[in-house]
């Protein structure tokens, strides 16, 4: 069984970039601003940390 890797890409909607992904073409984020790329469960972890920080600030 092949190992699988999960990628989460957060950023502005770019139909050209999306089309390249769909077509299996190589993509580059060089020169594209505003994107963050997370591997595995890193996105969920970042969201959880942001939520905890927000809760901490509002409870003070």
N, C-alpha and C. Protein backbone atom coordinates (compact mmCIF):
# COMPACT_ATOMS: atom_id res chain seq x y z
N UNK A 1 0.84 -1.18 0.00
CA UNK A 1 0.00 0.00 0.00
C UNK A 1 0.89 1.25 0.00
N UNK A 2 0.56 2.17 -0.84
CA UNK A 2 1.33 3.41 -0.92
C UNK A 2 1.04 4.32 0.27
N UNK A 3 2.08 5.01 0.69
CA UNK A 3 1.86 6.03 1.71
C UNK A 3 1.23 7.24 1.05
N UNK A 4 0.41 7.95 1.78
CA UNK A 4 -0.23 9.13 1.25
C UNK A 4 0.18 10.34 2.07
N UNK A 5 0.25 11.47 1.39
CA UNK A 5 0.61 12.71 2.05
C UNK A 5 -0.53 13.70 1.82
N UNK A 6 -0.89 14.42 2.86
CA UNK A 6 -1.95 15.41 2.77
C UNK A 6 -1.32 16.79 2.70
N UNK A 7 -1.74 17.58 1.71
CA UNK A 7 -1.30 18.96 1.59
C UNK A 7 -2.51 19.87 1.70
N UNK A 8 -2.39 20.95 2.45
CA UNK A 8 -3.43 21.96 2.53
C UNK A 8 -2.82 23.26 2.06
N UNK A 9 -3.42 23.86 1.05
CA UNK A 9 -2.93 25.12 0.49
C UNK A 9 -3.98 26.18 0.77
N UNK A 10 -3.55 27.24 1.45
CA UNK A 10 -4.46 28.33 1.79
C UNK A 10 -3.95 29.58 1.09
N UNK A 11 -4.83 30.24 0.35
CA UNK A 11 -4.42 31.45 -0.34
C UNK A 11 -5.50 31.93 -1.28
N UNK A 12 -5.18 32.95 -2.03
CA UNK A 12 -6.16 33.52 -2.95
C UNK A 12 -6.56 32.54 -4.05
N UNK A 13 -7.79 32.65 -4.49
CA UNK A 13 -8.26 31.79 -5.57
C UNK A 13 -7.54 32.15 -6.86
N UNK A 14 -6.93 31.15 -7.46
CA UNK A 14 -6.19 31.34 -8.71
C UNK A 14 -6.60 30.20 -9.63
N UNK A 15 -7.48 30.50 -10.58
CA UNK A 15 -8.02 29.44 -11.44
C UNK A 15 -6.92 28.78 -12.29
N UNK A 16 -5.90 29.53 -12.67
CA UNK A 16 -4.80 28.96 -13.45
C UNK A 16 -4.02 27.94 -12.62
N UNK A 17 -3.73 28.29 -11.39
CA UNK A 17 -3.03 27.38 -10.48
C UNK A 17 -3.87 26.12 -10.25
N UNK A 18 -5.15 26.31 -10.00
CA UNK A 18 -6.05 25.18 -9.77
C UNK A 18 -6.11 24.28 -11.00
N UNK A 19 -6.20 24.86 -12.16
CA UNK A 19 -6.26 24.08 -13.40
C UNK A 19 -4.99 23.27 -13.59
N UNK A 20 -3.84 23.85 -13.27
CA UNK A 20 -2.58 23.12 -13.36
C UNK A 20 -2.58 21.90 -12.43
N UNK A 21 -3.08 22.09 -11.19
CA UNK A 21 -3.19 20.97 -10.26
C UNK A 21 -4.08 19.88 -10.84
N UNK A 22 -5.23 20.27 -11.33
CA UNK A 22 -6.20 19.31 -11.86
C UNK A 22 -5.60 18.52 -13.02
N UNK A 23 -4.84 19.20 -13.87
CA UNK A 23 -4.23 18.55 -15.03
C UNK A 23 -2.95 17.80 -14.70
N UNK A 24 -2.52 17.84 -13.43
CA UNK A 24 -1.32 17.13 -13.02
C UNK A 24 -0.03 17.78 -13.51
N UNK A 25 -0.11 19.08 -13.81
CA UNK A 25 1.08 19.80 -14.28
C UNK A 25 1.88 20.33 -13.09
N UNK A 26 3.18 20.50 -13.26
CA UNK A 26 3.98 21.08 -12.18
C UNK A 26 3.53 22.51 -11.89
N UNK A 27 3.55 22.87 -10.63
CA UNK A 27 3.20 24.23 -10.24
C UNK A 27 4.32 24.82 -9.40
N UNK A 28 4.39 26.14 -9.41
CA UNK A 28 5.39 26.84 -8.61
C UNK A 28 4.69 27.96 -7.85
N UNK A 29 5.10 28.15 -6.61
CA UNK A 29 4.55 29.25 -5.83
C UNK A 29 5.51 30.43 -5.80
N UNK A 30 6.62 30.31 -6.50
CA UNK A 30 7.56 31.41 -6.58
C UNK A 30 6.89 32.57 -7.29
N UNK A 31 6.91 33.72 -6.68
CA UNK A 31 6.28 34.90 -7.25
C UNK A 31 4.80 35.02 -6.95
N UNK A 32 4.23 34.01 -6.30
CA UNK A 32 2.82 34.07 -5.91
C UNK A 32 2.76 34.40 -4.44
N UNK A 33 2.12 35.48 -4.12
CA UNK A 33 2.08 35.94 -2.73
C UNK A 33 0.77 35.54 -2.07
N UNK A 34 0.84 35.37 -0.76
CA UNK A 34 -0.35 35.12 0.03
C UNK A 34 -0.71 33.67 0.22
N UNK A 35 0.16 32.75 -0.17
CA UNK A 35 -0.13 31.33 0.00
C UNK A 35 0.62 30.76 1.19
N UNK A 36 -0.03 29.83 1.88
CA UNK A 36 0.61 29.05 2.93
C UNK A 36 0.34 27.59 2.61
N UNK A 37 1.36 26.77 2.75
CA UNK A 37 1.25 25.36 2.44
C UNK A 37 1.52 24.57 3.72
N UNK A 38 0.60 23.68 4.05
CA UNK A 38 0.71 22.85 5.25
C UNK A 38 0.79 21.39 4.84
N UNK A 39 1.61 20.62 5.55
CA UNK A 39 1.78 19.19 5.26
C UNK A 39 1.23 18.39 6.44
N UNK A 40 0.52 17.32 6.10
CA UNK A 40 -0.04 16.45 7.15
C UNK A 40 -1.12 17.19 7.92
N UNK A 41 -1.05 17.10 9.23
CA UNK A 41 -2.05 17.74 10.08
C UNK A 41 -1.62 19.12 10.57
N UNK A 42 -0.64 19.71 9.91
CA UNK A 42 -0.12 21.01 10.34
C UNK A 42 -1.18 22.11 10.27
N UNK A 43 -2.07 22.07 9.28
CA UNK A 43 -3.12 23.10 9.16
C UNK A 43 -4.06 23.04 10.36
N UNK A 44 -4.51 21.83 10.69
CA UNK A 44 -5.40 21.67 11.83
C UNK A 44 -4.72 22.12 13.12
N UNK A 45 -3.45 21.80 13.26
CA UNK A 45 -2.70 22.22 14.44
C UNK A 45 -2.59 23.74 14.51
N UNK A 46 -2.33 24.38 13.37
CA UNK A 46 -2.23 25.85 13.34
C UNK A 46 -3.58 26.49 13.68
N UNK A 47 -4.66 25.92 13.17
CA UNK A 47 -6.00 26.44 13.46
C UNK A 47 -6.32 26.30 14.95
N UNK A 48 -5.94 25.16 15.52
CA UNK A 48 -6.20 24.92 16.94
C UNK A 48 -5.41 25.91 17.80
N UNK A 49 -4.14 26.14 17.45
CA UNK A 49 -3.31 27.09 18.20
C UNK A 49 -3.88 28.50 18.09
N UNK A 50 -4.32 28.89 16.91
CA UNK A 50 -4.91 30.23 16.72
C UNK A 50 -6.17 30.37 17.55
N UNK A 51 -6.97 29.32 17.61
CA UNK A 51 -8.19 29.34 18.40
C UNK A 51 -7.87 29.46 19.89
N UNK A 52 -6.88 28.71 20.34
CA UNK A 52 -6.48 28.78 21.75
C UNK A 52 -5.96 30.16 22.11
N UNK A 53 -5.18 30.76 21.21
CA UNK A 53 -4.66 32.11 21.46
C UNK A 53 -5.79 33.12 21.51
N UNK A 54 -6.76 33.00 20.62
CA UNK A 54 -7.91 33.91 20.59
C UNK A 54 -8.73 33.77 21.87
N UNK A 55 -8.93 32.53 22.31
CA UNK A 55 -9.68 32.29 23.56
C UNK A 55 -8.94 32.87 24.74
N UNK A 56 -7.63 32.74 24.75
CA UNK A 56 -6.82 33.27 25.85
C UNK A 56 -6.92 34.78 25.93
N UNK A 57 -6.90 35.45 24.78
CA UNK A 57 -6.98 36.91 24.75
C UNK A 57 -8.35 37.40 25.20
N UNK A 58 -9.41 36.68 24.88
CA UNK A 58 -10.76 37.14 25.23
C UNK A 58 -11.11 36.84 26.67
N UNK A 59 -10.39 35.93 27.32
CA UNK A 59 -10.70 35.60 28.70
C UNK A 59 -9.91 36.43 29.70
N UNK A 60 -9.07 37.28 29.24
CA UNK A 60 -8.26 38.11 30.14
C UNK A 60 -9.04 39.26 30.69
